[in-house]
C-alpha atoms as a PDB file:
ATOM      1  CA  MET A   1       0.000   0.000   0.000  1.00  0.00           C
ATOM      2  CA  GLN A   2       2.841   2.307   0.811  1.00  0.00           C
ATOM      3  CA  LYS A   3       4.402   1.568  -2.569  1.00  0.00           C
ATOM      4  CA  LEU A   4       1.087   2.327  -4.329  1.00  0.00           C
ATOM      5  CA  GLY A   5       0.788   5.610  -2.450  1.00  0.00           C
ATOM      6  CA  ASN A   6       4.313   6.611  -3.419  1.00  0.00           C
ATOM      7  CA  ASN A   7       3.580   5.836  -7.066  1.00  0.00           C
ATOM      8  CA  ARG A   8       0.465   8.011  -7.000  1.00  0.00           C
ATOM      9  CA  THR A   9       2.412  10.816  -5.413  1.00  0.00           C
ATOM     10  CA  LEU A  10       5.121  10.466  -8.036  1.00  0.00           C
ATOM     11  CA  ASN A  11       2.541  10.526 -10.834  1.00  0.00           C
ATOM     12  CA  VAL A  12       0.955  13.696  -9.456  1.00  0.00           C
ATOM     13  CA  LEU A  13       4.343  15.368  -9.189  1.00  0.00           C
ATOM     14  CA  LEU A  14       5.211  14.387 -12.745  1.00  0.00           C
ATOM     15  CA  LEU A  15       1.867  15.617 -14.079  1.00  0.00           C
ATOM     16  CA  ALA A  16       1.805  18.860 -12.099  1.00  0.00           C
ATOM     17  CA  PRO A  17       3.922  20.902 -14.561  1.00  0.00           C
ATOM     18  CA  LEU A  18       1.734  19.710 -17.444  1.00  0.00           C
ATOM     19  CA  ILE A  19      -1.480  20.593 -15.590  1.00  0.00           C
ATOM     20  CA  ILE A  20      -0.160  24.053 -14.724  1.00  0.00           C
ATOM     21  CA  ALA A  21       1.012  24.593 -18.298  1.00  0.00           C
ATOM     22  CA  CYS A  22      -2.436  23.689 -19.631  1.00  0.00           C
ATOM     23  CA  LEU A  23      -4.163  26.069 -17.222  1.00  0.00           C
ATOM     24  CA  VAL A  24      -1.797  28.902 -18.148  1.00  0.00           C
ATOM     25  CA  ALA A  25      -2.345  28.209 -21.831  1.00  0.00           C
ATOM     26  CA  ARG A  26      -6.129  28.294 -21.369  1.00  0.00           C
ATOM     27  CA  VAL A  27      -5.978  31.627 -19.530  1.00  0.00           C
ATOM     28  CA  ALA A  28      -3.576  33.145 -22.042  1.00  0.00           C
ATOM     29  CA  GLY A  29      -5.677  31.925 -24.930  1.00  0.00           C
ATOM     30  CA  ALA A  30      -8.821  33.437 -23.471  1.00  0.00           C
ATOM     31  CA  GLY A  31      -7.058  36.776 -23.023  1.00  0.00           C
ATOM     32  CA  ASP A  32      -5.606  36.840 -26.514  1.00  0.00           C
ATOM     33  CA  ALA A  33      -8.977  35.992 -28.015  1.00  0.00           C
ATOM     34  CA  GLY A  34     -10.742  38.649 -25.949  1.00  0.00           C
ATOM     35  CA  GLY A  35     -12.837  36.087 -24.024  1.00  0.00           C
ATOM     36  CA  LYS A  36     -16.630  36.333 -24.249  1.00  0.00           C
ATOM     37  CA  PRO A  37     -18.088  39.857 -24.007  1.00  0.00           C
ATOM     38  CA  GLN A  38     -21.052  40.192 -21.651  1.00  0.00           C
ATOM     39  CA  GLU A  39     -23.831  42.750 -21.955  1.00  0.00           C
ATOM     40  CA  THR A  40     -24.885  44.413 -18.721  1.00  0.00           C
ATOM     41  CA  LYS A  41     -26.354  47.676 -17.419  1.00  0.00           C
ATOM     42  CA  SER A  42     -24.714  50.539 -15.587  1.00  0.00           C
ATOM     43  CA  PRO A  43     -26.229  51.589 -12.246  1.00  0.00           C
ATOM     44  CA  GLY A  44     -28.007  54.333 -14.200  1.00  0.00           C
ATOM     45  CA  GLY A  45     -29.441  51.875 -16.712  1.00  0.00           C
ATOM     46  CA  VAL A  46     -27.100  52.494 -19.654  1.00  0.00           C
ATOM     47  CA  ALA A  47     -26.323  49.403 -21.751  1.00  0.00           C
ATOM     48  CA  MET A  48     -22.652  48.467 -21.502  1.00  0.00           C
ATOM     49  CA  ILE A  49     -20.473  45.584 -22.678  1.00  0.00           C
ATOM     50  CA  LEU A  50     -17.920  43.971 -20.375  1.00  0.00           C
ATOM     51  CA  LEU A  51     -14.826  43.143 -22.402  1.00  0.00           C
ATOM     52  CA  PRO A  52     -12.320  40.733 -20.835  1.00  0.00           C
ATOM     53  CA  GLY A  53      -8.751  41.927 -21.287  1.00  0.00           C
ATOM     54  CA  GLY A  54      -6.571  40.638 -24.078  1.00  0.00           C
ATOM     55  CA  SER A  55      -3.717  41.247 -26.483  1.00  0.00           C
ATOM     56  CA  PHE A  56      -4.035  42.468 -30.049  1.00  0.00           C
ATOM     57  CA  THR A  57      -2.046  44.152 -32.793  1.00  0.00           C
ATOM     58  CA  MET A  58      -2.852  47.851 -32.795  1.00  0.00           C
ATOM     59  CA  GLY A  59      -2.446  49.790 -36.028  1.00  0.00           C
ATOM     60  CA  ASN A  60      -2.181  48.906 -39.707  1.00  0.00           C
ATOM     61  CA  ALA A  61       1.006  48.190 -41.668  1.00  0.00           C
ATOM     62  CA  LYS A  62      -0.649  49.605 -44.802  1.00  0.00           C
ATOM     63  CA  GLY A  63      -1.983  52.672 -43.024  1.00  0.00           C
ATOM     64  CA  SER A  64      -0.560  56.120 -42.367  1.00  0.00           C
ATOM     65  CA  ALA A  65       2.774  56.793 -40.704  1.00  0.00           C
ATOM     66  CA  ASP A  66       1.035  57.379 -37.364  1.00  0.00           C
ATOM     67  CA  GLU A  67      -0.661  53.952 -37.279  1.00  0.00           C
ATOM     68  CA  GLN A  68       2.196  51.525 -37.774  1.00  0.00           C
ATOM     69  CA  PRO A  69       1.378  48.202 -36.018  1.00  0.00           C
ATOM     70  CA  HIS A  70       2.521  47.086 -32.591  1.00  0.00           C
ATOM     71  CA  LYS A  71       1.187  44.556 -30.101  1.00  0.00           C
ATOM     72  CA  VAL A  72      -0.439  45.765 -26.894  1.00  0.00           C
ATOM     73  CA  THR A  73      -2.435  44.275 -24.029  1.00  0.00           C
ATOM     74  CA  VAL A  74      -5.425  45.897 -22.343  1.00  0.00           C
ATOM     75  CA  SER A  75      -7.077  45.013 -19.043  1.00  0.00           C
ATOM     76  CA  ALA A  76     -10.776  44.186 -18.787  1.00  0.00           C
ATOM     77  CA  PHE A  77     -13.165  47.145 -18.997  1.00  0.00           C
ATOM     78  CA  TYR A  78     -16.787  48.106 -19.518  1.00  0.00           C
ATOM     79  CA  ILE A  79     -17.714  50.163 -22.578  1.00  0.00           C
ATOM     80  CA  ASP A  80     -21.004  51.761 -23.641  1.00  0.00           C
ATOM     81  CA  LYS A  81     -22.874  49.634 -26.154  1.00  0.00           C
ATOM     82  CA  TYR A  82     -23.849  52.808 -28.027  1.00  0.00           C
ATOM     83  CA  LYS A  83     -22.326  56.237 -28.417  1.00  0.00           C
ATOM     84  CA  VAL A  84     -23.830  58.650 -25.889  1.00  0.00           C
ATOM     85  CA  SER A  85     -27.235  59.696 -27.234  1.00  0.00           C
ATOM     86  CA  GLN A  86     -28.803  63.117 -26.916  1.00  0.00           C
ATOM     87  CA  GLU A  87     -31.381  61.643 -24.535  1.00  0.00           C
ATOM     88  CA  GLU A  88     -28.688  60.253 -22.232  1.00  0.00           C
ATOM     89  CA  TYR A  89     -26.627  63.446 -22.365  1.00  0.00           C
ATOM     90  CA  LEU A  90     -29.657  65.572 -21.547  1.00  0.00           C
ATOM     91  CA  LYS A  91     -30.521  63.301 -18.617  1.00  0.00           C
ATOM     92  CA  VAL A  92     -27.062  63.780 -17.075  1.00  0.00           C
ATOM     93  CA  VAL A  93     -26.062  67.328 -18.060  1.00  0.00           C
ATOM     94  CA  ASN A  94     -29.557  68.864 -18.363  1.00  0.00           C
ATOM     95  CA  GLU A  95     -28.805  70.373 -21.772  1.00  0.00           C
ATOM     96  CA  ASN A  96     -28.548  69.209 -25.372  1.00  0.00           C
ATOM     97  CA  PRO A  97     -25.916  71.006 -27.461  1.00  0.00           C
ATOM     98  CA  ALA A  98     -26.462  68.910 -30.608  1.00  0.00           C
ATOM     99  CA  LYS A  99     -27.072  70.518 -33.982  1.00  0.00           C
ATOM    100  CA  TRP A 100     -28.883  67.514 -35.445  1.00  0.00           C
ATOM    101  CA  LYS A 101     -31.660  67.134 -32.887  1.00  0.00           C
ATOM    102  CA  GLY A 102     -33.147  63.735 -32.095  1.00  0.00           C
ATOM    103  CA  LYS A 103     -33.219  61.887 -28.782  1.00  0.00           C
ATOM    104  CA  ASP A 104     -31.819  58.716 -30.355  1.00  0.00           C
ATOM    105  CA  ASN A 105     -29.166  60.563 -32.352  1.00  0.00           C
ATOM    106  CA  PRO A 106     -25.648  60.734 -30.958  1.00  0.00           C
ATOM    107  CA  VAL A 107     -24.898  63.894 -29.027  1.00  0.00           C
ATOM    108  CA  GLU A 108     -22.484  66.150 -30.932  1.00  0.00           C
ATOM    109  CA  GLU A 109     -21.063  69.637 -30.752  1.00  0.00           C
ATOM    110  CA  VAL A 110     -19.260  68.429 -27.637  1.00  0.00           C
ATOM    111  CA  ARG A 111     -15.663  69.311 -26.873  1.00  0.00           C
ATOM    112  CA  TRP A 112     -13.315  66.869 -25.155  1.00  0.00           C
ATOM    113  CA  SER A 113     -13.812  68.850 -21.949  1.00  0.00           C
ATOM    114  CA  ASP A 114     -17.611  68.564 -22.300  1.00  0.00           C
ATOM    115  CA  ALA A 115     -17.304  64.781 -22.626  1.00  0.00           C
ATOM    116  CA  VAL A 116     -15.097  64.660 -19.533  1.00  0.00           C
ATOM    117  CA  ARG A 117     -17.578  66.698 -17.494  1.00  0.00           C
ATOM    118  CA  TYR A 118     -20.336  64.318 -18.563  1.00  0.00           C
ATOM    119  CA  CYS A 119     -18.218  61.364 -17.378  1.00  0.00           C
ATOM    120  CA  ASN A 120     -17.796  62.928 -13.940  1.00  0.00           C
ATOM    121  CA  LEU A 121     -21.484  63.833 -13.585  1.00  0.00           C
ATOM    122  CA  ARG A 122     -22.593  60.378 -14.676  1.00  0.00           C
ATOM    123  CA  SER A 123     -20.175  58.841 -12.177  1.00  0.00           C
ATOM    124  CA  LYS A 124     -21.643  60.885  -9.336  1.00  0.00           C
ATOM    125  CA  LEU A 125     -25.217  60.016 -10.333  1.00  0.00           C
ATOM    126  CA  ASP A 126     -24.293  56.323 -10.286  1.00  0.00           C
ATOM    127  CA  GLY A 127     -22.536  56.522  -6.907  1.00  0.00           C
ATOM    128  CA  LEU A 128     -19.078  56.018  -8.383  1.00  0.00           C
ATOM    129  CA  LYS A 129     -15.833  57.915  -7.899  1.00  0.00           C
ATOM    130  CA  PRO A 130     -15.247  60.453 -10.711  1.00  0.00           C
ATOM    131  CA  CYS A 131     -12.063  59.912 -12.703  1.00  0.00           C
ATOM    132  CA  TYR A 132     -11.259  63.474 -13.726  1.00  0.00           C
ATOM    133  CA  ASP A 133      -9.788  66.461 -11.926  1.00  0.00           C
ATOM    134  CA  LEU A 134     -11.517  69.340 -13.692  1.00  0.00           C
ATOM    135  CA  THR A 135      -8.729  71.738 -12.739  1.00  0.00           C
ATOM    136  CA  THR A 136      -5.799  69.785 -14.186  1.00  0.00           C
ATOM    137  CA  TRP A 137      -7.885  67.590 -16.540  1.00  0.00           C
ATOM    138  CA  GLU A 138      -5.879  64.594 -15.386  1.00  0.00           C
ATOM    139  CA  CYS A 139      -7.527  61.182 -15.267  1.00  0.00           C
ATOM    140  CA  ASP A 140      -7.356  58.939 -12.195  1.00  0.00           C
ATOM    141  CA  PHE A 141      -7.366  55.482 -13.742  1.00  0.00           C
ATOM    142  CA  SER A 142      -7.725  53.870 -10.307  1.00  0.00           C
ATOM    143  CA  ALA A 143     -11.164  55.463  -9.810  1.00  0.00           C
ATOM    144  CA  ASN A 144     -14.203  53.297 -10.538  1.00  0.00           C
ATOM    145  CA  GLY A 145     -16.175  55.974 -12.370  1.00  0.00           C
ATOM    146  CA  TYR A 146     -16.634  56.664 -16.071  1.00  0.00           C
ATOM    147  CA  ARG A 147     -13.989  58.091 -18.360  1.00  0.00           C
ATOM    148  CA  LEU A 148     -13.161  58.313 -22.030  1.00  0.00           C
ATOM    149  CA  PRO A 149     -11.484  55.210 -23.467  1.00  0.00           C
ATOM    150  CA  THR A 150      -7.776  55.135 -24.064  1.00  0.00           C
ATOM    151  CA  GLU A 151      -6.873  54.891 -27.719  1.00  0.00           C
ATOM    152  CA  ALA A 152      -5.841  51.267 -27.178  1.00  0.00           C
ATOM    153  CA  GLU A 153      -9.129  50.388 -25.451  1.00  0.00           C
ATOM    154  CA  TRP A 154     -11.117  51.999 -28.243  1.00  0.00           C
ATOM    155  CA  GLU A 155      -9.306  50.070 -30.970  1.00  0.00           C
ATOM    156  CA  TYR A 156      -9.474  46.790 -29.034  1.00  0.00           C
ATOM    157  CA  ALA A 157     -13.244  47.238 -28.668  1.00  0.00           C
ATOM    158  CA  ALA A 158     -13.730  48.378 -32.261  1.00  0.00           C
ATOM    159  CA  ARG A 159     -11.822  45.462 -33.756  1.00  0.00           C
ATOM    160  CA  GLY A 160     -14.036  42.917 -32.039  1.00  0.00           C
ATOM    161  CA  GLY A 161     -11.270  40.322 -32.187  1.00  0.00           C
ATOM    162  CA  SER A 162     -10.379  40.996 -35.831  1.00  0.00           C
ATOM    163  CA  ASP A 163      -7.015  41.860 -37.341  1.00  0.00           C
ATOM    164  CA  THR A 164      -8.352  43.302 -40.600  1.00  0.00           C
ATOM    165  CA  ARG A 165      -8.846  46.894 -41.720  1.00  0.00           C
ATOM    166  CA  TYR A 166     -12.463  46.810 -40.574  1.00  0.00           C
ATOM    167  CA  PHE A 167     -13.941  44.354 -38.078  1.00  0.00           C
ATOM    168  CA  PHE A 168     -15.877  42.817 -40.982  1.00  0.00           C
ATOM    169  CA  GLY A 169     -12.818  42.417 -43.238  1.00  0.00           C
ATOM    170  CA  ASP A 170     -10.757  44.515 -45.645  1.00  0.00           C
ATOM    171  CA  ASP A 171     -13.480  45.324 -48.183  1.00  0.00           C
ATOM    172  CA  PRO A 172     -14.907  48.834 -47.571  1.00  0.00           C
ATOM    173  CA  GLY A 173     -17.896  47.929 -49.736  1.00  0.00           C
ATOM    174  CA  LYS A 174     -19.585  46.362 -46.696  1.00  0.00           C
ATOM    175  CA  LEU A 175     -19.305  49.507 -44.578  1.00  0.00           C
ATOM    176  CA  LYS A 176     -22.853  50.604 -45.438  1.00  0.00           C
ATOM    177  CA  LEU A 177     -24.141  47.665 -43.422  1.00  0.00           C
ATOM    178  CA  TYR A 178     -22.337  48.788 -40.260  1.00  0.00           C
ATOM    179  CA  GLY A 179     -22.078  52.555 -40.203  1.00  0.00           C
ATOM    180  CA  TRP A 180     -23.236  55.988 -41.367  1.00  0.00           C
ATOM    181  CA  PHE A 181     -20.585  57.801 -43.393  1.00  0.00           C
ATOM    182  CA  LYS A 182     -20.216  60.110 -46.391  1.00  0.00           C
ATOM    183  CA  ASP A 183     -21.785  57.707 -48.887  1.00  0.00           C
ATOM    184  CA  ASN A 184     -25.019  56.962 -47.003  1.00  0.00           C
ATOM    185  CA  ALA A 185     -25.579  59.415 -44.118  1.00  0.00           C
ATOM    186  CA  GLY A 186     -27.182  62.144 -46.210  1.00  0.00           C
ATOM    187  CA  GLY A 187     -25.051  64.897 -44.709  1.00  0.00           C
ATOM    188  CA  ARG A 188     -26.051  64.518 -41.052  1.00  0.00           C
ATOM    189  CA  THR A 189     -26.060  62.218 -38.023  1.00  0.00           C
ATOM    190  CA  ARG A 190     -28.477  59.299 -37.823  1.00  0.00           C
ATOM    191  CA  PRO A 191     -30.252  57.452 -34.968  1.00  0.00           C
ATOM    192  CA  LEU A 192     -28.029  55.047 -33.066  1.00  0.00           C
ATOM    193  CA  GLY A 193     -28.339  51.284 -33.349  1.00  0.00           C
ATOM    194  CA  GLN A 194     -29.788  51.232 -36.879  1.00  0.00           C
ATOM    195  CA  LYS A 195     -26.836  49.391 -38.412  1.00  0.00           C
ATOM    196  CA  LEU A 196     -25.334  45.990 -37.596  1.00  0.00           C
ATOM    197  CA  PRO A 197     -23.125  45.702 -34.483  1.00  0.00           C
ATOM    198  CA  ASN A 198     -19.509  44.547 -34.402  1.00  0.00           C
ATOM    199  CA  PRO A 199     -18.591  41.068 -33.022  1.00  0.00           C
ATOM    200  CA  PHE A 200     -18.422  42.472 -29.466  1.00  0.00           C
ATOM    201  CA  GLY A 201     -21.985  43.820 -29.704  1.00  0.00           C
ATOM    202  CA  LEU A 202     -21.050  47.503 -30.103  1.00  0.00           C
ATOM    203  CA  TYR A 203     -23.099  49.702 -32.422  1.00  0.00           C
ATOM    204  CA  ASP A 204     -21.996  52.613 -34.612  1.00  0.00           C
ATOM    205  CA  VAL A 205     -18.317  51.880 -34.080  1.00  0.00           C
ATOM    206  CA  TYR A 206     -17.694  53.344 -37.528  1.00  0.00           C
ATOM    207  CA  GLY A 207     -19.190  56.631 -38.659  1.00  0.00           C
ATOM    208  CA  ASN A 208     -22.018  58.837 -37.350  1.00  0.00           C
ATOM    209  CA  VAL A 209     -19.732  60.915 -35.064  1.00  0.00           C
ATOM    210  CA  TRP A 210     -16.060  60.698 -34.192  1.00  0.00           C
ATOM    211  CA  GLU A 211     -15.446  59.406 -30.662  1.00  0.00           C
ATOM    212  CA  TRP A 212     -13.203  61.324 -28.269  1.00  0.00           C
ATOM    213  CA  CYS A 213     -10.488  59.265 -26.578  1.00  0.00           C
ATOM    214  CA  ASN A 214      -8.699  60.163 -23.376  1.00  0.00           C
ATOM    215  CA  ASP A 215      -5.232  60.248 -24.993  1.00  0.00           C
ATOM    216  CA  PHE A 216      -3.205  63.183 -26.182  1.00  0.00           C
ATOM    217  CA  TYR A 217      -2.235  62.746 -29.820  1.00  0.00           C
ATOM    218  CA  LYS A 218       1.362  62.254 -30.966  1.00  0.00           C
ATOM    219  CA  VAL A 219       2.323  61.130 -34.463  1.00  0.00           C
ATOM    220  CA  ASP A 220       5.028  58.659 -33.439  1.00  0.00           C
ATOM    221  CA  TYR A 221       3.646  57.643 -30.039  1.00  0.00           C
ATOM    222  CA  TYR A 222       3.394  54.022 -31.182  1.00  0.00           C
ATOM    223  CA  LYS A 223       7.198  53.824 -31.120  1.00  0.00           C
ATOM    224  CA  GLU A 224       7.304  54.502 -27.382  1.00  0.00           C
ATOM    225  CA  THR A 225       3.990  53.161 -26.092  1.00  0.00           C
ATOM    226  CA  PRO A 226       4.170  50.613 -23.281  1.00  0.00           C
ATOM    227  CA  ALA A 227       2.976  47.127 -24.156  1.00  0.00           C
ATOM    228  CA  ALA A 228       0.461  46.929 -21.295  1.00  0.00           C
ATOM    229  CA  ASP A 229      -2.472  49.374 -20.973  1.00  0.00           C
ATOM    230  CA  PRO A 230      -0.945  52.307 -22.899  1.00  0.00           C
ATOM    231  CA  ARG A 231      -2.504  55.658 -21.947  1.00  0.00           C
ATOM    232  CA  GLY A 232      -1.015  58.038 -24.470  1.00  0.00           C
ATOM    233  CA  PRO A 233       1.654  60.754 -24.148  1.00  0.00           C
ATOM    234  CA  GLN A 234       1.947  62.757 -20.934  1.00  0.00           C
ATOM    235  CA  GLN A 235       1.146  65.972 -22.742  1.00  0.00           C
ATOM    236  CA  GLY A 236       0.159  67.366 -26.116  1.00  0.00           C
ATOM    237  CA  LYS A 237      -1.858  70.021 -27.929  1.00  0.00           C
ATOM    238  CA  THR A 238      -4.641  67.822 -29.318  1.00  0.00           C
ATOM    239  CA  ARG A 239      -6.645  64.771 -28.246  1.00  0.00           C
ATOM    240  CA  VAL A 240      -7.333  61.625 -30.238  1.00  0.00           C
ATOM    241  CA  LEU A 241     -10.645  60.874 -31.967  1.00  0.00           C
ATOM    242  CA  ARG A 242     -11.510  57.530 -33.548  1.00  0.00           C
ATOM    243  CA  GLY A 243     -14.056  55.827 -35.787  1.00  0.00           C
ATOM    244  CA  GLY A 244     -14.989  58.348 -38.468  1.00  0.00           C
ATOM    245  CA  CYS A 245     -18.249  60.281 -38.819  1.00  0.00           C
ATOM    246  CA  TRP A 246     -21.186  61.065 -41.084  1.00  0.00           C
ATOM    247  CA  ASN A 247     -19.077  63.109 -43.528  1.00  0.00           C
ATOM    248  CA  ALA A 248     -15.960  60.905 -43.456  1.00  0.00           C
ATOM    249  CA  THR A 249     -14.806  58.693 -46.324  1.00  0.00           C
ATOM    250  CA  ASP A 250     -14.671  54.919 -45.856  1.00  0.00           C
ATOM    251  CA  ALA A 251     -10.879  55.127 -45.477  1.00  0.00           C
ATOM    252  CA  LYS A 252     -11.296  57.166 -42.284  1.00  0.00           C
ATOM    253  CA  CYS A 253     -13.938  54.830 -40.850  1.00  0.00           C
ATOM    254  CA  SER A 254     -11.544  51.998 -40.029  1.00  0.00           C
ATOM    255  CA  SER A 255     -10.310  50.377 -36.834  1.00  0.00           C
ATOM    256  CA  SER A 256      -6.861  51.957 -36.884  1.00  0.00           C
ATOM    257  CA  TYR A 257      -7.352  55.394 -38.490  1.00  0.00           C
ATOM    258  CA  ARG A 258      -6.257  58.149 -36.101  1.00  0.00           C
ATOM    259  CA  TYR A 259      -7.731  61.644 -36.034  1.00  0.00           C
ATOM    260  CA  ASN A 260      -7.068  64.459 -33.571  1.00  0.00           C
ATOM    261  CA  GLU A 261      -8.465  67.832 -32.555  1.00  0.00           C
ATOM    262  CA  ASP A 262      -7.972  70.655 -30.092  1.00  0.00           C
ATOM    263  CA  PRO A 263      -9.885  69.567 -26.938  1.00  0.00           C
ATOM    264  CA  GLY A 264     -11.291  73.083 -26.566  1.00  0.00           C
ATOM    265  CA  TYR A 265     -12.396  73.433 -30.189  1.00  0.00           C
ATOM    266  CA  THR A 266     -15.547  75.566 -30.312  1.00  0.00           C
ATOM    267  CA  ASP A 267     -16.382  76.528 -33.899  1.00  0.00           C
ATOM    268  CA  PRO A 268     -19.411  74.620 -35.292  1.00  0.00           C
ATOM    269  CA  CYS A 269     -18.908  76.189 -38.726  1.00  0.00           C
ATOM    270  CA  PHE A 270     -15.907  73.951 -39.291  1.00  0.00           C
ATOM    271  CA  GLY A 271     -17.288  70.577 -38.303  1.00  0.00           C
ATOM    272  CA  TYR A 272     -17.880  70.721 -34.557  1.00  0.00           C
ATOM    273  CA  ASP A 273     -21.047  68.683 -35.128  1.00  0.00           C
ATOM    274  CA  ILE A 274     -18.980  65.603 -35.982  1.00  0.00           C
ATOM    275  CA  TYR A 275     -17.602  64.989 -32.471  1.00  0.00           C
ATOM    276  CA  GLY A 276     -19.246  62.660 -29.941  1.00  0.00           C
ATOM    277  CA  PHE A 277     -18.126  59.920 -27.550  1.00  0.00           C
ATOM    278  CA  ARG A 278     -18.896  56.813 -25.534  1.00  0.00           C
ATOM    279  CA  CYS A 279     -17.770  56.012 -21.989  1.00  0.00           C
ATOM    280  CA  VAL A 280     -15.780  53.224 -20.381  1.00  0.00           C
ATOM    281  CA  ARG A 281     -15.015  52.222 -16.813  1.00  0.00           C
ATOM    282  CA  SER A 282     -12.531  49.817 -15.313  1.00  0.00           C
ATOM    283  CA  ALA A 283     -13.649  46.258 -14.594  1.00  0.00           C
ATOM    284  CA  MET A 284     -11.380  46.161 -11.536  1.00  0.00           C
ATOM    285  CA  GLU A 285     -11.950  47.982  -8.272  1.00  0.00           C
ATOM    286  CA  PRO A 286      -8.983  49.387  -6.309  1.00  0.00           C
ATOM    287  CA  GLY A 287      -7.298  46.438  -4.628  1.00  0.00           C
ATOM    288  CA  GLY A 288      -7.859  44.082  -7.539  1.00  0.00           C
ATOM    289  CA  SER A 289     -11.458  42.952  -6.991  1.00  0.00           C
ATOM    290  CA  SER A 290     -13.904  42.827  -9.883  1.00  0.00           C
ATOM    291  CA  ALA A 291     -16.174  45.814 -10.370  1.00  0.00           C
ATOM    292  CA  SER A 292     -19.919  45.470 -10.659  1.00  0.00           C
ATOM    293  CA  ALA A 293     -21.889  47.269 -13.356  1.00  0.00           C
ATOM    294  CA  THR A 294     -25.155  47.040 -11.426  1.00  0.00           C
ATOM    295  CA  HIS A 295     -26.357  47.739  -7.901  1.00  0.00           C
END
């Protein structure tokens, strides 16, 4: 009996490295593939998608000089299923600055600073800690409130697990099925959720209005970005926007195309009605525990 016990112990010891290796491989594989997104609701009732963290190649080798590819990893986060609508913005801020009125249309004519203020107000309404200091405009990424996505988070979410120019492939001819842009928008914004979603369940990823990101813009930032949870340069004159808009060509409505604008831009005569946003929040509470999107 003693001999049998020793043999079992020996077998377990011999198999242990293999078992551990398999578990590590399963976890790594789930992260690289993005896991399985889960739809949920914020405390205030806004539809959000929980995206497990993962690694992906950011950028496009055939794109512009400022979007050359590199591999990055992002931690899990929640992201709004839709761009912020005029109805939602009005509910939080008590005003609607949009030019193209319609409660289901995306809010536009919002500066980066307007989007940040909305994030803080929505956080307070939902009993969460605001992320932004409205004096310095710095973001506290350890806070559990809402913020604008980093450029890496936005692209990870937009790609939906793909590595092609668009999440549906490389052929721009299919873009009309997924977004409102120059060829089909009719010169204005359109109601949200009318086109097909991306593989992660996000609507209007391409077109309708550009989406503000938290990051400062820098042409060659990709050369110096950290591999894990990059947050953009420490300073800059403009902020990043992603996704294209109702008057953008199909080339600008891709997963990796980078646009940028002065965060305090205020002139609607030159396209101010093309800027909107959606919010994200961390899936981890301070201390490493998982956040909850509902009460």
